[in-house]
């Protein structure tokens, strides 16, 4: 098998994983962009406590959600990419 043929086959097989990776990167960028954009547009919303008298703010929960979404998307990517590779 020639080197050109091997490169073409590897590139063809990596295409679904690359699309999946870029899609998930876009999703994570939108999540983080929304979080930061909310701070820029309405800082009062993000510094408001979750409930009266609580020290935990909406921004704290939003930040934790952004971090957890990164972990979930990473795990989901690994799961789906491995399934695509197994085909």
PDB file of N, CA and C in Angstrom:
ATOM      1  N   UNK A   1       0.840  -1.161   0.000  1.00  0.00           N
ATOM      2  CA  UNK A   1       0.000   0.000   0.000  1.00  0.00           C
ATOM      3  C   UNK A   1       0.898   1.241   0.000  1.00  0.00           C
ATOM      4  N   UNK A   2       0.608   2.189  -0.865  1.00  0.00           N
ATOM      5  CA  UNK A   2       1.447   3.382  -0.969  1.00  0.00           C
ATOM      6  C   UNK A   2       1.162   4.355   0.169  1.00  0.00           C
ATOM      7  N   UNK A   3       2.113   5.221   0.400  1.00  0.00           N
ATOM      8  CA  UNK A   3       1.986   6.208   1.477  1.00  0.00           C
ATOM      9  C   UNK A   3       0.820   7.154   1.206  1.00  0.00           C
ATOM     10  N   UNK A   4       0.621   7.528  -0.038  1.00  0.00           N
ATOM     11  CA  UNK A   4      -0.484   8.430  -0.377  1.00  0.00           C
ATOM     12  C   UNK A   4      -1.831   7.794  -0.068  1.00  0.00           C
ATOM     13  N   UNK A   5      -1.931   6.518  -0.350  1.00  0.00           N
ATOM     14  CA  UNK A   5      -3.177   5.801  -0.102  1.00  0.00           C
ATOM     15  C   UNK A   5      -3.452   5.683   1.397  1.00  0.00           C
ATOM     16  N   UNK A   6      -2.421   5.457   2.192  1.00  0.00           N
ATOM     17  CA  UNK A   6      -2.571   5.366   3.641  1.00  0.00           C
ATOM     18  C   UNK A   6      -3.013   6.715   4.209  1.00  0.00           C
ATOM     19  N   UNK A   7      -2.380   7.784   3.760  1.00  0.00           N
ATOM     20  CA  UNK A   7      -2.737   9.124   4.231  1.00  0.00           C
ATOM     21  C   UNK A   7      -4.177   9.442   3.872  1.00  0.00           C
ATOM     22  N   UNK A   8      -4.608   9.105   2.669  1.00  0.00           N
ATOM     23  CA  UNK A   8      -5.980   9.371   2.238  1.00  0.00           C
ATOM     24  C   UNK A   8      -6.974   8.591   3.077  1.00  0.00           C
ATOM     25  N   UNK A   9      -6.654   7.327   3.399  1.00  0.00           N
ATOM     26  CA  UNK A   9      -7.564   6.514   4.203  1.00  0.00           C
ATOM     27  C   UNK A   9      -7.646   7.013   5.638  1.00  0.00           C
ATOM     28  N   UNK A  10      -6.520   7.398   6.209  1.00  0.00           N
ATOM     29  CA  UNK A  10      -6.524   7.937   7.572  1.00  0.00           C
ATOM     30  C   UNK A  10      -7.320   9.233   7.614  1.00  0.00           C
ATOM     31  N   UNK A  11      -7.130  10.103   6.635  1.00  0.00           N
ATOM     32  CA  UNK A  11      -7.855  11.368   6.597  1.00  0.00           C
ATOM     33  C   UNK A  11      -9.351  11.125   6.465  1.00  0.00           C
ATOM     34  N   UNK A  12      -9.747  10.144   5.679  1.00  0.00           N
ATOM     35  CA  UNK A  12     -11.159   9.818   5.490  1.00  0.00           C
ATOM     36  C   UNK A  12     -11.761   9.293   6.784  1.00  0.00           C
ATOM     37  N   UNK A  13     -11.017   8.493   7.529  1.00  0.00           N
ATOM     38  CA  UNK A  13     -11.519   7.921   8.765  1.00  0.00           C
ATOM     39  C   UNK A  13     -11.583   8.936   9.902  1.00  0.00           C
ATOM     40  N   UNK A  14     -10.747   9.966   9.864  1.00  0.00           N
ATOM     41  CA  UNK A  14     -10.719  10.968  10.923  1.00  0.00           C
ATOM     42  C   UNK A  14     -11.770  12.063  10.744  1.00  0.00           C
ATOM     43  N   UNK A  15     -12.395  12.119   9.590  1.00  0.00           N
ATOM     44  CA  UNK A  15     -13.342  13.194   9.306  1.00  0.00           C
ATOM     45  C   UNK A  15     -14.517  13.233  10.282  1.00  0.00           C
ATOM     46  N   UNK A  16     -15.186  12.125  10.606  1.00  0.00           N
ATOM     47  CA  UNK A  16     -16.302  12.207  11.567  1.00  0.00           C
ATOM     48  C   UNK A  16     -15.865  12.695  12.951  1.00  0.00           C
ATOM     49  N   UNK A  17     -14.699  12.261  13.417  1.00  0.00           N
ATOM     50  CA  UNK A  17     -14.228  12.710  14.724  1.00  0.00           C
ATOM     51  C   UNK A  17     -13.910  14.199  14.699  1.00  0.00           C
ATOM     52  N   UNK A  18     -13.342  14.665  13.598  1.00  0.00           N
ATOM     53  CA  UNK A  18     -13.017  16.084  13.485  1.00  0.00           C
ATOM     54  C   UNK A  18     -14.280  16.934  13.492  1.00  0.00           C
ATOM     55  N   UNK A  19     -15.294  16.509  12.755  1.00  0.00           N
ATOM     56  CA  UNK A  19     -16.567  17.240  12.749  1.00  0.00           C
ATOM     57  C   UNK A  19     -17.188  17.253  14.135  1.00  0.00           C
ATOM     58  N   UNK A  20     -17.157  16.117  14.791  1.00  0.00           N
ATOM     59  CA  UNK A  20     -17.695  16.028  16.148  1.00  0.00           C
ATOM     60  C   UNK A  20     -16.928  16.955  17.084  1.00  0.00           C
ATOM     61  N   UNK A  21     -15.627  16.968  16.977  1.00  0.00           N
ATOM     62  CA  UNK A  21     -14.804  17.823  17.819  1.00  0.00           C
ATOM     63  C   UNK A  21     -15.093  19.294  17.597  1.00  0.00           C
ATOM     64  N   UNK A  22     -15.198  19.710  16.342  1.00  0.00           N
ATOM     65  CA  UNK A  22     -15.488  21.113  16.052  1.00  0.00           C
ATOM     66  C   UNK A  22     -16.888  21.503  16.504  1.00  0.00           C
ATOM     67  N   UNK A  23     -17.842  20.584  16.362  1.00  0.00           N
ATOM     68  CA  UNK A  23     -19.211  20.863  16.810  1.00  0.00           C
ATOM     69  C   UNK A  23     -19.245  21.057  18.323  1.00  0.00           C
ATOM     70  N   UNK A  24     -18.571  20.176  19.039  1.00  0.00           N
ATOM     71  CA  UNK A  24     -18.563  20.291  20.503  1.00  0.00           C
ATOM     72  C   UNK A  24     -17.773  21.519  20.954  1.00  0.00           C
ATOM     73  N   UNK A  25     -16.734  21.875  20.238  1.00  0.00           N
ATOM     74  CA  UNK A  25     -15.991  23.094  20.558  1.00  0.00           C
ATOM     75  C   UNK A  25     -16.877  24.322  20.364  1.00  0.00           C
ATOM     76  N   UNK A  26     -17.696  24.305  19.318  1.00  0.00           N
ATOM     77  CA  UNK A  26     -18.625  25.403  19.081  1.00  0.00           C
ATOM     78  C   UNK A  26     -19.653  25.496  20.205  1.00  0.00           C
ATOM     79  N   UNK A  27     -20.191  24.348  20.625  1.00  0.00           N
ATOM     80  CA  UNK A  27     -21.161  24.330  21.720  1.00  0.00           C
ATOM     81  C   UNK A  27     -20.531  24.907  22.989  1.00  0.00           C
ATOM     82  N   UNK A  28     -19.315  24.480  23.306  1.00  0.00           N
ATOM     83  CA  UNK A  28     -18.649  24.970  24.516  1.00  0.00           C
ATOM     84  C   UNK A  28     -18.336  26.456  24.405  1.00  0.00           C
ATOM     85  N   UNK A  29     -17.974  26.919  23.220  1.00  0.00           N
ATOM     86  CA  UNK A  29     -17.716  28.341  23.017  1.00  0.00           C
ATOM     87  C   UNK A  29     -18.989  29.153  23.235  1.00  0.00           C
ATOM     88  N   UNK A  30     -20.106  28.643  22.765  1.00  0.00           N
ATOM     89  CA  UNK A  30     -21.385  29.329  22.975  1.00  0.00           C
ATOM     90  C   UNK A  30     -21.752  29.372  24.461  1.00  0.00           C
ATOM     91  N   UNK A  31     -21.523  28.276  25.173  1.00  0.00           N
ATOM     92  CA  UNK A  31     -21.818  28.242  26.610  1.00  0.00           C
ATOM     93  C   UNK A  31     -20.964  29.277  27.338  1.00  0.00           C
ATOM     94  N   UNK A  32     -19.669  29.263  27.083  1.00  0.00           N
ATOM     95  CA  UNK A  32     -18.764  30.194  27.760  1.00  0.00           C
ATOM     96  C   UNK A  32     -19.029  31.629  27.311  1.00  0.00           C
ATOM     97  N   UNK A  33     -19.291  31.828  26.043  1.00  0.00           N
ATOM     98  CA  UNK A  33     -19.588  33.167  25.532  1.00  0.00           C
ATOM     99  C   UNK A  33     -20.850  33.747  26.148  1.00  0.00           C
ATOM    100  N   UNK A  34     -21.856  32.904  26.347  1.00  0.00           N
ATOM    101  CA  UNK A  34     -23.080  33.343  27.006  1.00  0.00           C
ATOM    102  C   UNK A  34     -22.801  33.746  28.445  1.00  0.00           C
ATOM    103  N   UNK A  35     -21.991  32.958  29.128  1.00  0.00           N
ATOM    104  CA  UNK A  35     -21.627  33.254  30.509  1.00  0.00           C
ATOM    105  C   UNK A  35     -20.896  34.595  30.611  1.00  0.00           C
ATOM    106  N   UNK A  36     -19.877  34.789  29.797  1.00  0.00           N
ATOM    107  CA  UNK A  36     -19.106  36.031  29.825  1.00  0.00           C
ATOM    108  C   UNK A  36     -19.954  37.198  29.323  1.00  0.00           C
ATOM    109  N   UNK A  37     -20.736  36.966  28.284  1.00  0.00           N
ATOM    110  CA  UNK A  37     -21.592  38.019  27.739  1.00  0.00           C
ATOM    111  C   UNK A  37     -22.617  38.517  28.743  1.00  0.00           C
ATOM    112  N   UNK A  38     -23.132  37.621  29.572  1.00  0.00           N
ATOM    113  CA  UNK A  38     -24.075  38.028  30.600  1.00  0.00           C
ATOM    114  C   UNK A  38     -23.393  38.937  31.626  1.00  0.00           C
ATOM    115  N   UNK A  39     -22.143  38.627  31.962  1.00  0.00           N
ATOM    116  CA  UNK A  39     -21.392  39.508  32.858  1.00  0.00           C
ATOM    117  C   UNK A  39     -21.213  40.888  32.239  1.00  0.00           C
ATOM    118  N   UNK A  40     -20.956  40.946  30.946  1.00  0.00           N
ATOM    119  CA  UNK A  40     -20.715  42.222  30.278  1.00  0.00           C
ATOM    120  C   UNK A  40     -21.999  43.034  30.175  1.00  0.00           C
ATOM    121  N   UNK A  41     -23.068  42.386  29.769  1.00  0.00           N
ATOM    122  CA  UNK A  41     -24.329  43.081  29.523  1.00  0.00           C
ATOM    123  C   UNK A  41     -25.068  43.408  30.817  1.00  0.00           C
ATOM    124  N   UNK A  42     -25.086  42.471  31.753  1.00  0.00           N
ATOM    125  CA  UNK A  42     -25.869  42.665  32.971  1.00  0.00           C
ATOM    126  C   UNK A  42     -25.119  42.138  34.198  1.00  0.00           C
ATOM    127  N   UNK A  43     -24.142  42.880  34.681  1.00  0.00           N
ATOM    128  CA  UNK A  43     -23.387  42.410  35.846  1.00  0.00           C
ATOM    129  C   UNK A  43     -24.257  42.274  37.093  1.00  0.00           C
ATOM    130  N   UNK A  44     -25.309  43.077  37.185  1.00  0.00           N
ATOM    131  CA  UNK A  44     -26.188  42.990  38.352  1.00  0.00           C
ATOM    132  C   UNK A  44     -26.872  41.627  38.426  1.00  0.00           C
ATOM    133  N   UNK A  45     -27.187  41.060  37.285  1.00  0.00           N
ATOM    134  CA  UNK A  45     -27.809  39.727  37.259  1.00  0.00           C
ATOM    135  C   UNK A  45     -26.855  38.679  37.811  1.00  0.00           C
ATOM    136  N   UNK A  46     -25.611  38.752  37.409  1.00  0.00           N
ATOM    137  CA  UNK A  46     -24.642  37.727  37.813  1.00  0.00           C
ATOM    138  C   UNK A  46     -24.197  37.878  39.272  1.00  0.00           C
ATOM    139  N   UNK A  47     -24.305  39.080  39.835  1.00  0.00           N
ATOM    140  CA  UNK A  47     -23.901  39.272  41.231  1.00  0.00           C
ATOM    141  C   UNK A  47     -25.067  39.148  42.196  1.00  0.00           C
ATOM    142  N   UNK A  48     -26.242  38.865  41.679  1.00  0.00           N
ATOM    143  CA  UNK A  48     -27.426  38.702  42.527  1.00  0.00           C
ATOM    144  C   UNK A  48     -27.374  37.349  43.235  1.00  0.00           C
ATOM    145  N   UNK A  49     -27.714  37.313  44.523  1.00  0.00           N
ATOM    146  CA  UNK A  49     -27.740  36.024  45.228  1.00  0.00           C
ATOM    147  C   UNK A  49     -28.838  35.117  44.669  1.00  0.00           C
ATOM    148  N   UNK A  50     -28.644  33.812  44.811  1.00  0.00           N
ATOM    149  CA  UNK A  50     -29.670  32.873  44.336  1.00  0.00           C
ATOM    150  C   UNK A  50     -30.977  33.040  45.101  1.00  0.00           C
ATOM    151  N   UNK A  51     -30.863  33.287  46.387  1.00  0.00           N
ATOM    152  CA  UNK A  51     -32.033  33.519  47.235  1.00  0.00           C
ATOM    153  C   UNK A  51     -31.665  34.616  48.229  1.00  0.00           C
ATOM    154  N   UNK A  52     -32.651  35.326  48.760  1.00  0.00           N
ATOM    155  CA  UNK A  52     -32.339  36.385  49.723  1.00  0.00           C
ATOM    156  C   UNK A  52     -31.543  35.839  50.915  1.00  0.00           C
ATOM    157  N   UNK A  53     -30.462  36.515  51.242  1.00  0.00           N
ATOM    158  CA  UNK A  53     -29.645  36.110  52.374  1.00  0.00           C
ATOM    159  C   UNK A  53     -28.572  35.081  52.048  1.00  0.00           C
ATOM    160  N   UNK A  54     -28.572  34.542  50.845  1.00  0.00           N
ATOM    161  CA  UNK A  54     -27.560  33.553  50.451  1.00  0.00           C
ATOM    162  C   UNK A  54     -26.309  34.242  49.947  1.00  0.00           C
ATOM    163  N   UNK A  55     -25.157  33.606  50.192  1.00  0.00           N
ATOM    164  CA  UNK A  55     -23.887  34.151  49.710  1.00  0.00           C
ATOM    165  C   UNK A  55     -23.572  33.672  48.299  1.00  0.00           C
ATOM    166  N   UNK A  56     -24.224  32.612  47.834  1.00  0.00           N
ATOM    167  CA  UNK A  56     -23.964  32.054  46.504  1.00  0.00           C
ATOM    168  C   UNK A  56     -24.697  32.891  45.460  1.00  0.00           C
ATOM    169  N   UNK A  57     -23.945  33.334  44.456  1.00  0.00           N
ATOM    170  CA  UNK A  57     -24.537  34.195  43.425  1.00  0.00           C
ATOM    171  C   UNK A  57     -24.866  33.405  42.158  1.00  0.00           C
ATOM    172  N   UNK A  58     -25.619  34.056  41.308  1.00  0.00           N
ATOM    173  CA  UNK A  58     -25.964  33.467  40.011  1.00  0.00           C
ATOM    174  C   UNK A  58     -24.694  33.232  39.196  1.00  0.00           C
ATOM    175  N   UNK A  59     -23.729  34.141  39.298  1.00  0.00           N
ATOM    176  CA  UNK A  59     -22.470  34.001  38.563  1.00  0.00           C
ATOM    177  C   UNK A  59     -21.670  32.788  39.002  1.00  0.00           C
ATOM    178  N   UNK A  60     -21.690  32.497  40.309  1.00  0.00           N
ATOM    179  CA  UNK A  60     -20.981  31.325  40.820  1.00  0.00           C
ATOM    180  C   UNK A  60     -21.573  30.049  40.244  1.00  0.00           C
ATOM    181  N   UNK A  61     -22.870  29.960  40.261  1.00  0.00           N
ATOM    182  CA  UNK A  61     -23.542  28.765  39.722  1.00  0.00           C
ATOM    183  C   UNK A  61     -23.336  28.678  38.210  1.00  0.00           C
ATOM    184  N   UNK A  62     -23.388  29.822  37.532  1.00  0.00           N
ATOM    185  CA  UNK A  62     -23.138  29.828  36.086  1.00  0.00           C
ATOM    186  C   UNK A  62     -21.729  29.392  35.748  1.00  0.00           C
ATOM    187  N   UNK A  63     -20.754  29.840  36.527  1.00  0.00           N
ATOM    188  CA  UNK A  63     -19.361  29.436  36.314  1.00  0.00           C
ATOM    189  C   UNK A  63     -19.167  27.951  36.529  1.00  0.00           C
ATOM    190  N   UNK A  64     -19.757  27.434  37.590  1.00  0.00           N
ATOM    191  CA  UNK A  64     -19.681  25.984  37.833  1.00  0.00           C
ATOM    192  C   UNK A  64     -20.358  25.199  36.713  1.00  0.00           C
ATOM    193  N   UNK A  65     -21.475  25.712  36.232  1.00  0.00           N
ATOM    194  CA  UNK A  65     -22.171  25.042  35.123  1.00  0.00           C
ATOM    195  C   UNK A  65     -21.300  25.040  33.854  1.00  0.00           C
ATOM    196  N   UNK A  66     -20.598  26.143  33.605  1.00  0.00           N
ATOM    197  CA  UNK A  66     -19.715  26.210  32.431  1.00  0.00           C
ATOM    198  C   UNK A  66     -18.580  25.195  32.558  1.00  0.00           C
ATOM    199  N   UNK A  67     -18.008  25.070  33.758  1.00  0.00           N
ATOM    200  CA  UNK A  67     -16.927  24.102  33.977  1.00  0.00           C
ATOM    201  C   UNK A  67     -17.444  22.679  33.847  1.00  0.00           C
ATOM    202  N   UNK A  68     -18.589  22.396  34.445  1.00  0.00           N
ATOM    203  CA  UNK A  68     -19.162  21.042  34.356  1.00  0.00           C
ATOM    204  C   UNK A  68     -19.546  20.693  32.922  1.00  0.00           C
ATOM    205  N   UNK A  69     -20.017  21.686  32.161  1.00  0.00           N
ATOM    206  CA  UNK A  69     -20.364  21.406  30.761  1.00  0.00           C
ATOM    207  C   UNK A  69     -19.128  21.002  29.965  1.00  0.00           C
ATOM    208  N   UNK A  70     -17.977  21.574  30.314  1.00  0.00           N
ATOM    209  CA  UNK A  70     -16.728  21.184  29.655  1.00  0.00           C
ATOM    210  C   UNK A  70     -16.420  19.721  29.926  1.00  0.00           C
ATOM    211  N   UNK A  71     -16.580  19.317  31.179  1.00  0.00           N
ATOM    212  CA  UNK A  71     -16.313  17.916  31.536  1.00  0.00           C
ATOM    213  C   UNK A  71     -17.289  16.972  30.848  1.00  0.00           C
ATOM    214  N   UNK A  72     -18.552  17.339  30.828  1.00  0.00           N
ATOM    215  CA  UNK A  72     -19.563  16.485  30.197  1.00  0.00           C
ATOM    216  C   UNK A  72     -19.309  16.379  28.692  1.00  0.00           C
ATOM    217  N   UNK A  73     -19.026  17.501  28.045  1.00  0.00           N
ATOM    218  CA  UNK A  73     -18.769  17.466  26.603  1.00  0.00           C
ATOM    219  C   UNK A  73     -17.508  16.677  26.269  1.00  0.00           C
ATOM    220  N   UNK A  74     -16.498  16.766  27.119  1.00  0.00           N
ATOM    221  CA  UNK A  74     -15.276  15.991  26.891  1.00  0.00           C
ATOM    222  C   UNK A  74     -15.559  14.497  26.984  1.00  0.00           C
ATOM    223  N   UNK A  75     -16.278  14.096  28.029  1.00  0.00           N
ATOM    224  CA  UNK A  75     -16.644  12.684  28.185  1.00  0.00           C
ATOM    225  C   UNK A  75     -17.507  12.194  27.037  1.00  0.00           C
ATOM    226  N   UNK A  76     -18.449  13.024  26.611  1.00  0.00           N
ATOM    227  CA  UNK A  76     -19.321  12.661  25.498  1.00  0.00           C
ATOM    228  C   UNK A  76     -18.522  12.526  24.203  1.00  0.00           C
ATOM    229  N   UNK A  77     -17.552  13.443  23.996  1.00  0.00           N
ATOM    230  CA  UNK A  77     -16.708  13.349  22.800  1.00  0.00           C
ATOM    231  C   UNK A  77     -15.920  12.044  22.795  1.00  0.00           C
ATOM    232  N   UNK A  78     -15.316  11.697  23.923  1.00  0.00           N
ATOM    233  CA  UNK A  78     -14.523  10.466  23.995  1.00  0.00           C
ATOM    234  C   UNK A  78     -15.406   9.257  23.686  1.00  0.00           C
ATOM    235  N   UNK A  79     -16.584   9.231  24.274  1.00  0.00           N
ATOM    236  CA  UNK A  79     -17.506   8.111  24.051  1.00  0.00           C
ATOM    237  C   UNK A  79     -17.893   8.006  22.574  1.00  0.00           C
ATOM    238  N   UNK A  80     -18.318   9.120  21.994  1.00  0.00           N
ATOM    239  CA  UNK A  80     -18.771   9.089  20.603  1.00  0.00           C
ATOM    240  C   UNK A  80     -17.621   8.867  19.622  1.00  0.00           C
ATOM    241  N   UNK A  81     -16.478   9.482  19.877  1.00  0.00           N
ATOM    242  CA  UNK A  81     -15.328   9.310  18.974  1.00  0.00           C
ATOM    243  C   UNK A  81     -14.853   7.865  18.988  1.00  0.00           C
ATOM    244  N   UNK A  82     -14.856   7.237  20.158  1.00  0.00           N
ATOM    245  CA  UNK A  82     -14.457   5.829  20.235  1.00  0.00           C
ATOM    246  C   UNK A  82     -15.437   4.948  19.475  1.00  0.00           C
ATOM    247  N   UNK A  83     -16.716   5.269  19.550  1.00  0.00           N
ATOM    248  CA  UNK A  83     -17.705   4.488  18.790  1.00  0.00           C
ATOM    249  C   UNK A  83     -17.512   4.674  17.284  1.00  0.00           C
ATOM    250  N   UNK A  84     -17.178   5.898  16.872  1.00  0.00           N
ATOM    251  CA  UNK A  84     -16.936   6.145  15.444  1.00  0.00           C
ATOM    252  C   UNK A  84     -15.679   5.412  14.975  1.00  0.00           C
ATOM    253  N   UNK A  85     -14.678   5.336  15.829  1.00  0.00           N
ATOM    254  CA  UNK A  85     -13.431   4.654  15.477  1.00  0.00           C
ATOM    255  C   UNK A  85     -13.645   3.154  15.387  1.00  0.00           C
ATOM    256  N   UNK A  86     -14.524   2.613  16.212  1.00  0.00           N
ATOM    257  CA  UNK A  86     -14.762   1.182  16.240  1.00  0.00           C
ATOM    258  C   UNK A  86     -15.483   0.669  15.001  1.00  0.00           C
ATOM    259  N   UNK A  87     -16.070   1.546  14.236  1.00  0.00           N
ATOM    260  CA  UNK A  87     -16.799   1.113  13.028  1.00  0.00           C
ATOM    261  C   UNK A  87     -15.891   0.521  11.991  1.00  0.00           C
TER     262      UNK A  87
END
